[in-house]
Amino acid sequence: MEIVYWALIAILFIVAFVGLVYPIIPSVIFLIAGFLLYGVFFSFEPFHWLFWVIQGLFVILLFVADYIANMIGIKKYGGSKAGIWGSTIGLILGPFLIPVLGILLGPFIGAIGAELIFNKRNFTDSIKIGFGSVIGFISSVVTKTIIQAIMIGYFLIVVLN
């Protein structure tokens, strides 16, 4: 039965990583669910207050990294808050409207549309800002992948010792 328990925990962690690419999946919730499931199936004893504080700080870091990477990507190419919002909306809607490629085209189109509509930018500048949003998204995914891997690594160190 122990193998089944570990398989369920692993599935939650895998879904958390899928959530990095598909933002409709709340990665953080699946990570924490994996930790809690371990406690339910095995024991909460390894999880001292320090474990939860460190994981909580990593959760905050995940959200900050996501916002900063997107903001830097758009701002570097001259984008505004409208571009950031357009990119975020495109990131959420893109995978549903354009399967597979929507994860990259959504933020790109969203940033372009927001800059054209709300800031009356010319098309060339809006394209550059859209490109910046894609760079920001990719940077965010890479950064959050590293953070989540560290969170899971720390979890494994705690429970396997």
N, C-alpha and C. Protein backbone atom coordinates (compact mmCIF):
# COMPACT_ATOMS: atom_id res chain seq x y z
N MET A 1 0.82 -1.20 0.00
CA MET A 1 0.00 0.00 0.00
C MET A 1 0.86 1.26 0.00
N GLU A 2 2.04 1.14 0.57
CA GLU A 2 2.95 2.28 0.63
C GLU A 2 3.29 2.80 -0.77
N ILE A 3 3.41 1.88 -1.72
CA ILE A 3 3.72 2.27 -3.10
C ILE A 3 2.58 3.11 -3.68
N VAL A 4 1.36 2.74 -3.39
CA VAL A 4 0.19 3.49 -3.86
C VAL A 4 0.20 4.90 -3.27
N TYR A 5 0.51 4.99 -1.98
CA TYR A 5 0.55 6.30 -1.32
C TYR A 5 1.60 7.20 -1.96
N TRP A 6 2.79 6.65 -2.17
CA TRP A 6 3.86 7.44 -2.79
C TRP A 6 3.49 7.80 -4.24
N ALA A 7 2.79 6.90 -4.93
CA ALA A 7 2.37 7.19 -6.31
C ALA A 7 1.38 8.36 -6.32
N LEU A 8 0.45 8.38 -5.38
CA LEU A 8 -0.51 9.50 -5.30
C LEU A 8 0.20 10.82 -5.01
N ILE A 9 1.16 10.78 -4.10
CA ILE A 9 1.93 11.99 -3.78
C ILE A 9 2.71 12.44 -5.01
N ALA A 10 3.32 11.50 -5.72
CA ALA A 10 4.08 11.84 -6.93
C ALA A 10 3.17 12.43 -8.00
N ILE A 11 1.96 11.90 -8.13
CA ILE A 11 1.01 12.44 -9.11
C ILE A 11 0.66 13.88 -8.78
N LEU A 12 0.46 14.17 -7.50
CA LEU A 12 0.17 15.56 -7.11
C LEU A 12 1.33 16.48 -7.47
N PHE A 13 2.55 16.02 -7.25
CA PHE A 13 3.73 16.83 -7.58
C PHE A 13 3.85 17.02 -9.10
N ILE A 14 3.56 15.98 -9.86
CA ILE A 14 3.62 16.08 -11.32
C ILE A 14 2.58 17.09 -11.82
N VAL A 15 1.37 17.02 -11.26
CA VAL A 15 0.33 17.98 -11.64
C VAL A 15 0.76 19.40 -11.29
N ALA A 16 1.48 19.56 -10.18
CA ALA A 16 1.99 20.88 -9.80
C ALA A 16 2.93 21.42 -10.87
N PHE A 17 3.76 20.55 -11.44
CA PHE A 17 4.66 20.99 -12.51
C PHE A 17 3.91 21.28 -13.80
N VAL A 18 2.86 20.52 -14.08
CA VAL A 18 2.03 20.80 -15.26
C VAL A 18 1.38 22.18 -15.10
N GLY A 19 1.04 22.52 -13.87
CA GLY A 19 0.43 23.82 -13.59
C GLY A 19 1.35 25.00 -13.89
N LEU A 20 2.63 24.75 -14.02
CA LEU A 20 3.54 25.83 -14.39
C LEU A 20 3.31 26.28 -15.83
N VAL A 21 2.92 25.33 -16.66
CA VAL A 21 2.69 25.63 -18.07
C VAL A 21 1.22 25.99 -18.31
N TYR A 22 0.33 25.36 -17.56
CA TYR A 22 -1.10 25.66 -17.67
C TYR A 22 -1.54 26.36 -16.38
N PRO A 23 -1.55 27.68 -16.39
CA PRO A 23 -1.80 28.43 -15.16
C PRO A 23 -3.18 28.25 -14.56
N ILE A 24 -4.08 27.59 -15.26
CA ILE A 24 -5.40 27.32 -14.70
C ILE A 24 -5.30 26.27 -13.60
N ILE A 25 -4.23 25.49 -13.61
CA ILE A 25 -3.97 24.48 -12.57
C ILE A 25 -3.18 25.16 -11.45
N PRO A 26 -3.73 25.19 -10.25
CA PRO A 26 -3.04 25.87 -9.13
C PRO A 26 -1.90 25.02 -8.58
N SER A 27 -0.70 25.23 -9.08
CA SER A 27 0.47 24.43 -8.71
C SER A 27 0.69 24.36 -7.21
N VAL A 28 0.60 25.49 -6.56
CA VAL A 28 0.89 25.56 -5.13
C VAL A 28 -0.05 24.64 -4.35
N ILE A 29 -1.29 24.61 -4.72
CA ILE A 29 -2.26 23.77 -4.01
C ILE A 29 -1.90 22.29 -4.15
N PHE A 30 -1.45 21.90 -5.33
CA PHE A 30 -1.07 20.49 -5.53
C PHE A 30 0.21 20.14 -4.77
N LEU A 31 1.14 21.08 -4.69
CA LEU A 31 2.35 20.84 -3.88
C LEU A 31 1.98 20.63 -2.41
N ILE A 32 1.22 21.55 -1.88
CA ILE A 32 0.83 21.47 -0.47
C ILE A 32 -0.02 20.22 -0.22
N ALA A 33 -0.87 19.90 -1.18
CA ALA A 33 -1.68 18.67 -1.05
C ALA A 33 -0.78 17.44 -0.96
N GLY A 34 0.31 17.44 -1.71
CA GLY A 34 1.27 16.33 -1.63
C GLY A 34 1.89 16.22 -0.25
N PHE A 35 2.25 17.37 0.32
CA PHE A 35 2.82 17.38 1.67
C PHE A 35 1.80 16.86 2.68
N LEU A 36 0.58 17.37 2.57
CA LEU A 36 -0.47 16.98 3.52
C LEU A 36 -0.86 15.51 3.36
N LEU A 37 -0.87 15.04 2.11
CA LEU A 37 -1.19 13.64 1.88
C LEU A 37 -0.14 12.74 2.52
N TYR A 38 1.11 13.15 2.44
CA TYR A 38 2.16 12.39 3.12
C TYR A 38 1.85 12.32 4.62
N GLY A 39 1.48 13.44 5.20
CA GLY A 39 1.16 13.46 6.62
C GLY A 39 -0.01 12.55 6.96
N VAL A 40 -1.03 12.54 6.11
CA VAL A 40 -2.20 11.69 6.36
C VAL A 40 -1.84 10.21 6.21
N PHE A 41 -1.11 9.89 5.15
CA PHE A 41 -0.79 8.48 4.89
C PHE A 41 0.30 7.94 5.81
N PHE A 42 1.27 8.77 6.12
CA PHE A 42 2.42 8.30 6.90
C PHE A 42 2.46 8.95 8.28
N SER A 43 2.86 10.23 8.32
CA SER A 43 2.95 10.92 9.61
C SER A 43 3.25 12.39 9.37
N PHE A 44 2.70 13.22 10.25
CA PHE A 44 3.02 14.64 10.22
C PHE A 44 4.25 14.94 11.08
N GLU A 45 4.76 13.94 11.75
CA GLU A 45 5.87 14.13 12.68
C GLU A 45 7.09 14.82 12.06
N PRO A 46 7.49 14.48 10.81
CA PRO A 46 8.68 15.16 10.25
C PRO A 46 8.47 16.66 9.99
N PHE A 47 7.22 17.09 9.93
CA PHE A 47 6.91 18.46 9.56
C PHE A 47 6.86 19.37 10.79
N HIS A 48 8.01 19.79 11.21
CA HIS A 48 8.06 20.74 12.32
C HIS A 48 7.69 22.12 11.80
N TRP A 49 7.57 23.07 12.70
CA TRP A 49 7.18 24.43 12.32
C TRP A 49 8.15 25.02 11.30
N LEU A 50 9.43 24.66 11.39
CA LEU A 50 10.42 25.20 10.46
C LEU A 50 10.13 24.75 9.03
N PHE A 51 9.71 23.51 8.87
CA PHE A 51 9.34 23.00 7.55
C PHE A 51 8.26 23.88 6.92
N TRP A 52 7.20 24.16 7.70
CA TRP A 52 6.08 24.94 7.17
C TRP A 52 6.47 26.38 6.90
N VAL A 53 7.34 26.94 7.74
CA VAL A 53 7.80 28.32 7.51
C VAL A 53 8.60 28.39 6.22
N ILE A 54 9.52 27.44 6.04
CA ILE A 54 10.36 27.44 4.83
C ILE A 54 9.49 27.23 3.59
N GLN A 55 8.58 26.27 3.64
CA GLN A 55 7.71 26.03 2.48
C GLN A 55 6.81 27.25 2.22
N GLY A 56 6.34 27.89 3.28
CA GLY A 56 5.53 29.10 3.11
C GLY A 56 6.31 30.21 2.42
N LEU A 57 7.57 30.36 2.79
CA LEU A 57 8.42 31.37 2.14
C LEU A 57 8.63 31.03 0.67
N PHE A 58 8.79 29.74 0.38
CA PHE A 58 8.92 29.34 -1.03
C PHE A 58 7.62 29.61 -1.80
N VAL A 59 6.48 29.41 -1.18
CA VAL A 59 5.20 29.70 -1.84
C VAL A 59 5.12 31.19 -2.19
N ILE A 60 5.49 32.02 -1.24
CA ILE A 60 5.51 33.47 -1.50
C ILE A 60 6.47 33.78 -2.65
N LEU A 61 7.63 33.13 -2.63
CA LEU A 61 8.63 33.32 -3.68
C LEU A 61 8.07 32.90 -5.05
N LEU A 62 7.28 31.84 -5.09
CA LEU A 62 6.66 31.42 -6.36
C LEU A 62 5.78 32.52 -6.94
N PHE A 63 4.95 33.11 -6.09
CA PHE A 63 4.06 34.17 -6.57
C PHE A 63 4.84 35.41 -6.99
N VAL A 64 5.83 35.77 -6.21
CA VAL A 64 6.65 36.95 -6.52
C VAL A 64 7.41 36.73 -7.82
N ALA A 65 7.99 35.54 -7.98
CA ALA A 65 8.76 35.23 -9.20
C ALA A 65 7.88 35.31 -10.43
N ASP A 66 6.66 34.81 -10.31
CA ASP A 66 5.73 34.84 -11.43
C ASP A 66 5.42 36.27 -11.84
N TYR A 67 5.09 37.10 -10.88
CA TYR A 67 4.74 38.49 -11.17
C TYR A 67 5.94 39.26 -11.72
N ILE A 68 7.08 39.12 -11.07
CA ILE A 68 8.27 39.88 -11.47
C ILE A 68 8.75 39.48 -12.87
N ALA A 69 8.78 38.18 -13.16
CA ALA A 69 9.25 37.74 -14.48
C ALA A 69 8.36 38.29 -15.58
N ASN A 70 7.05 38.26 -15.37
CA ASN A 70 6.13 38.79 -16.37
C ASN A 70 6.31 40.29 -16.51
N MET A 71 6.41 40.97 -15.37
CA MET A 71 6.54 42.43 -15.39
C MET A 71 7.84 42.85 -16.07
N ILE A 72 8.95 42.20 -15.74
CA ILE A 72 10.24 42.56 -16.33
C ILE A 72 10.22 42.31 -17.84
N GLY A 73 9.66 41.16 -18.24
CA GLY A 73 9.59 40.85 -19.67
C GLY A 73 8.84 41.91 -20.44
N ILE A 74 7.74 42.38 -19.90
CA ILE A 74 6.93 43.38 -20.59
C ILE A 74 7.56 44.77 -20.48
N LYS A 75 8.00 45.13 -19.28
CA LYS A 75 8.58 46.48 -19.07
C LYS A 75 9.86 46.67 -19.89
N LYS A 76 10.65 45.60 -20.03
CA LYS A 76 11.91 45.71 -20.78
C LYS A 76 11.66 46.14 -22.23
N TYR A 77 10.51 45.76 -22.74
CA TYR A 77 10.19 46.11 -24.12
C TYR A 77 9.24 47.31 -24.20
N GLY A 78 9.11 48.05 -23.11
CA GLY A 78 8.34 49.28 -23.13
C GLY A 78 6.87 49.13 -22.82
N GLY A 79 6.47 48.00 -22.29
CA GLY A 79 5.06 47.77 -22.00
C GLY A 79 4.59 48.47 -20.73
N SER A 80 3.29 48.47 -20.55
CA SER A 80 2.67 49.14 -19.41
C SER A 80 1.89 48.12 -18.57
N LYS A 81 1.19 48.64 -17.57
CA LYS A 81 0.34 47.77 -16.75
C LYS A 81 -0.74 47.12 -17.61
N ALA A 82 -1.23 47.84 -18.59
CA ALA A 82 -2.24 47.27 -19.49
C ALA A 82 -1.65 46.05 -20.21
N GLY A 83 -0.39 46.15 -20.63
CA GLY A 83 0.27 45.02 -21.28
C GLY A 83 0.42 43.83 -20.35
N ILE A 84 0.72 44.12 -19.09
CA ILE A 84 0.85 43.04 -18.09
C ILE A 84 -0.51 42.36 -17.90
N TRP A 85 -1.56 43.16 -17.75
CA TRP A 85 -2.90 42.59 -17.58
C TRP A 85 -3.34 41.82 -18.82
N GLY A 86 -3.08 42.39 -19.99
CA GLY A 86 -3.44 41.70 -21.24
C GLY A 86 -2.71 40.38 -21.38
N SER A 87 -1.44 40.38 -21.01
CA SER A 87 -0.65 39.16 -21.06
C SER A 87 -1.19 38.11 -20.09
N THR A 88 -1.55 38.54 -18.90
CA THR A 88 -2.08 37.62 -17.89
C THR A 88 -3.41 37.02 -18.35
N ILE A 89 -4.28 37.86 -18.88
CA ILE A 89 -5.57 37.36 -19.38
C ILE A 89 -5.35 36.40 -20.55
N GLY A 90 -4.43 36.76 -21.43
CA GLY A 90 -4.11 35.88 -22.56
C GLY A 90 -3.51 34.56 -22.11
N LEU A 91 -2.74 34.61 -21.04
CA LEU A 91 -2.13 33.39 -20.50
C LEU A 91 -3.21 32.44 -19.98
N ILE A 92 -4.24 33.00 -19.39
CA ILE A 92 -5.32 32.17 -18.84
C ILE A 92 -6.22 31.65 -19.96
N LEU A 93 -6.58 32.52 -20.89
CA LEU A 93 -7.53 32.13 -21.95
C LEU A 93 -6.86 31.39 -23.11
N GLY A 94 -5.61 31.70 -23.38
CA GLY A 94 -4.91 31.14 -24.54
C GLY A 94 -5.02 29.64 -24.72
N PRO A 95 -4.70 28.84 -23.68
CA PRO A 95 -4.76 27.38 -23.85
C PRO A 95 -6.16 26.86 -24.18
N PHE A 96 -7.20 27.60 -23.77
CA PHE A 96 -8.56 27.16 -24.06
C PHE A 96 -8.99 27.54 -25.47
N LEU A 97 -8.56 28.71 -25.91
CA LEU A 97 -8.97 29.19 -27.23
C LEU A 97 -8.11 28.65 -28.36
N ILE A 98 -6.84 28.44 -28.07
CA ILE A 98 -5.90 27.93 -29.08
C ILE A 98 -5.15 26.76 -28.44
N PRO A 99 -5.69 25.56 -28.52
CA PRO A 99 -5.02 24.42 -27.87
C PRO A 99 -3.56 24.29 -28.30
N VAL A 100 -2.73 23.88 -27.43
CA VAL A 100 -1.29 23.66 -27.55
C VAL A 100 -0.52 24.98 -27.66
N LEU A 101 -0.68 25.71 -28.74
CA LEU A 101 0.09 26.94 -28.94
C LEU A 101 -0.45 28.12 -28.13
N GLY A 102 -1.64 27.98 -27.60
CA GLY A 102 -2.26 29.06 -26.85
C GLY A 102 -1.48 29.49 -25.62
N ILE A 103 -0.67 28.59 -25.09
CA ILE A 103 0.10 28.92 -23.90
C ILE A 103 1.15 29.99 -24.21
N LEU A 104 1.61 30.05 -25.44
CA LEU A 104 2.56 31.10 -25.86
C LEU A 104 1.86 32.23 -26.61
N LEU A 105 0.91 31.86 -27.45
CA LEU A 105 0.21 32.88 -28.24
C LEU A 105 -0.74 33.73 -27.40
N GLY A 106 -1.31 33.14 -26.35
CA GLY A 106 -2.25 33.87 -25.49
C GLY A 106 -1.64 35.12 -24.87
N PRO A 107 -0.50 34.98 -24.14
CA PRO A 107 0.10 36.18 -23.55
C PRO A 107 0.59 37.16 -24.62
N PHE A 108 1.08 36.62 -25.72
CA PHE A 108 1.57 37.45 -26.82
C PHE A 108 0.44 38.31 -27.37
N ILE A 109 -0.67 37.67 -27.72
CA ILE A 109 -1.81 38.39 -28.29
C ILE A 109 -2.45 39.31 -27.24
N GLY A 110 -2.53 38.83 -26.01
CA GLY A 110 -3.12 39.64 -24.94
C GLY A 110 -2.36 40.93 -24.69
N ALA A 111 -1.03 40.83 -24.65
CA ALA A 111 -0.21 42.03 -24.44
C ALA A 111 -0.33 42.99 -25.63
N ILE A 112 -0.30 42.44 -26.83
CA ILE A 112 -0.44 43.28 -28.02
C ILE A 112 -1.78 44.00 -28.01
N GLY A 113 -2.85 43.24 -27.78
CA GLY A 113 -4.19 43.82 -27.77
C GLY A 113 -4.35 44.91 -26.73
N ALA A 114 -3.85 44.66 -25.53
CA ALA A 114 -3.98 45.65 -24.45
C ALA A 114 -3.21 46.92 -24.78
N GLU A 115 -2.01 46.77 -25.30
CA GLU A 115 -1.22 47.96 -25.65
C GLU A 115 -1.86 48.73 -26.80
N LEU A 116 -2.40 48.04 -27.79
CA LEU A 116 -3.06 48.72 -28.91
C LEU A 116 -4.32 49.45 -28.46
N ILE A 117 -5.12 48.78 -27.64
CA ILE A 117 -6.42 49.33 -27.25
C ILE A 117 -6.28 50.42 -26.18
N PHE A 118 -5.55 50.12 -25.11
CA PHE A 118 -5.54 51.02 -23.96
C PHE A 118 -4.47 52.10 -24.02
N ASN A 119 -3.35 51.81 -24.67
CA ASN A 119 -2.27 52.80 -24.73
C ASN A 119 -2.06 53.37 -26.12
N LYS A 120 -2.86 52.93 -27.07
CA LYS A 120 -2.81 53.45 -28.44
C LYS A 120 -1.39 53.38 -29.03
N ARG A 121 -0.70 52.29 -28.72
CA ARG A 121 0.66 52.09 -29.26
C ARG A 121 0.56 51.71 -30.74
N ASN A 122 1.66 51.93 -31.44
CA ASN A 122 1.67 51.46 -32.82
C ASN A 122 1.87 49.95 -32.82
N PHE A 123 1.59 49.34 -33.95
CA PHE A 123 1.60 47.88 -34.03
C PHE A 123 2.99 47.30 -33.79
N THR A 124 4.02 47.94 -34.30
CA THR A 124 5.40 47.43 -34.14
C THR A 124 5.81 47.41 -32.68
N ASP A 125 5.53 48.49 -31.96
CA ASP A 125 5.86 48.53 -30.54
C ASP A 125 5.05 47.49 -29.76
N SER A 126 3.81 47.31 -30.13
CA SER A 126 2.96 46.33 -29.46
C SER A 126 3.47 44.91 -29.69
N ILE A 127 3.98 44.64 -30.87
CA ILE A 127 4.57 43.31 -31.17
C ILE A 127 5.77 43.08 -30.26
N LYS A 128 6.63 44.09 -30.11
CA LYS A 128 7.80 43.96 -29.23
C LYS A 128 7.36 43.67 -27.79
N ILE A 129 6.34 44.36 -27.34
CA ILE A 129 5.83 44.15 -25.97
C ILE A 129 5.24 42.74 -25.84
N GLY A 130 4.54 42.29 -26.86
CA GLY A 130 4.01 40.92 -26.86
C GLY A 130 5.13 39.89 -26.79
N PHE A 131 6.21 40.15 -27.52
CA PHE A 131 7.38 39.27 -27.47
C PHE A 131 7.96 39.27 -26.06
N GLY A 132 8.01 40.43 -25.43
CA GLY A 132 8.50 40.54 -24.05
C GLY A 132 7.65 39.74 -23.09
N SER A 133 6.34 39.69 -23.34
CA SER A 133 5.46 38.91 -22.46
C SER A 133 5.75 37.42 -22.57
N VAL A 134 6.07 36.95 -23.76
CA VAL A 134 6.41 35.53 -23.94
C VAL A 134 7.74 35.23 -23.24
N ILE A 135 8.70 36.12 -23.38
CA ILE A 135 9.98 35.94 -22.68
C ILE A 135 9.75 35.92 -21.17
N GLY A 136 8.91 36.82 -20.68
CA GLY A 136 8.58 36.85 -19.26
C GLY A 136 7.92 35.56 -18.80
N PHE A 137 7.01 35.03 -19.60
CA PHE A 137 6.34 33.78 -19.26
C PHE A 137 7.33 32.63 -19.19
N ILE A 138 8.18 32.52 -20.19
CA ILE A 138 9.16 31.43 -20.22
C ILE A 138 10.13 31.56 -19.04
N SER A 139 10.56 32.77 -18.74
CA SER A 139 11.44 33.00 -17.59
C SER A 139 10.74 32.61 -16.29
N SER A 140 9.47 32.92 -16.20
CA SER A 140 8.68 32.58 -15.03
C SER A 140 8.58 31.07 -14.86
N VAL A 141 8.33 30.36 -15.93
CA VAL A 141 8.21 28.90 -15.86
C VAL A 141 9.53 28.28 -15.40
N VAL A 142 10.63 28.75 -15.96
CA VAL A 142 11.94 28.21 -15.58
C VAL A 142 12.22 28.48 -14.10
N THR A 143 11.98 29.71 -13.67
CA THR A 143 12.23 30.08 -12.28
C THR A 143 11.35 29.28 -11.33
N LYS A 144 10.07 29.18 -11.64
CA LYS A 144 9.15 28.46 -10.76
C LYS A 144 9.43 26.96 -10.77
N THR A 145 9.92 26.42 -11.88
CA THR A 145 10.32 25.01 -11.91
C THR A 145 11.44 24.76 -10.92
N ILE A 146 12.42 25.64 -10.91
CA ILE A 146 13.53 25.50 -9.96
C ILE A 146 13.03 25.60 -8.52
N ILE A 147 12.18 26.57 -8.25
CA ILE A 147 11.66 26.75 -6.88
C ILE A 147 10.86 25.52 -6.45
N GLN A 148 9.98 25.03 -7.31
CA GLN A 148 9.19 23.85 -6.95
C GLN A 148 10.07 22.63 -6.76
N ALA A 149 11.10 22.48 -7.58
CA ALA A 149 12.01 21.35 -7.42
C ALA A 149 12.72 21.43 -6.06
N ILE A 150 13.10 22.63 -5.66
CA ILE A 150 13.73 22.82 -4.34
C ILE A 150 12.73 22.48 -3.24
N MET A 151 11.48 22.90 -3.39
CA MET A 151 10.46 22.60 -2.38
C MET A 151 10.28 21.09 -2.22
N ILE A 152 10.20 20.39 -3.34
CA ILE A 152 10.03 18.93 -3.28
C ILE A 152 11.29 18.27 -2.75
N GLY A 153 12.44 18.77 -3.15
CA GLY A 153 13.71 18.23 -2.63
C GLY A 153 13.80 18.40 -1.13
N TYR A 154 13.41 19.55 -0.62
CA TYR A 154 13.43 19.79 0.83
C TYR A 154 12.44 18.86 1.52
N PHE A 155 11.26 18.69 0.94
CA PHE A 155 10.27 17.75 1.47
C PHE A 155 10.87 16.35 1.57
N LEU A 156 11.51 15.89 0.50
CA LEU A 156 12.09 14.54 0.51
C LEU A 156 13.21 14.40 1.54
N ILE A 157 14.02 15.44 1.68
CA ILE A 157 15.08 15.40 2.69
C ILE A 157 14.47 15.26 4.08
N VAL A 158 13.42 16.02 4.34
CA VAL A 158 12.77 16.00 5.65
C VAL A 158 12.14 14.63 5.94
N VAL A 159 11.41 14.07 4.98
CA VAL A 159 10.68 12.83 5.24
C VAL A 159 11.53 11.57 5.13
N LEU A 160 12.62 11.64 4.40
CA LEU A 160 13.45 10.44 4.24
C LEU A 160 14.58 10.35 5.26
N ASN A 161 14.75 11.37 6.07
CA ASN A 161 15.79 11.30 7.11
C ASN A 161 15.25 10.75 8.39
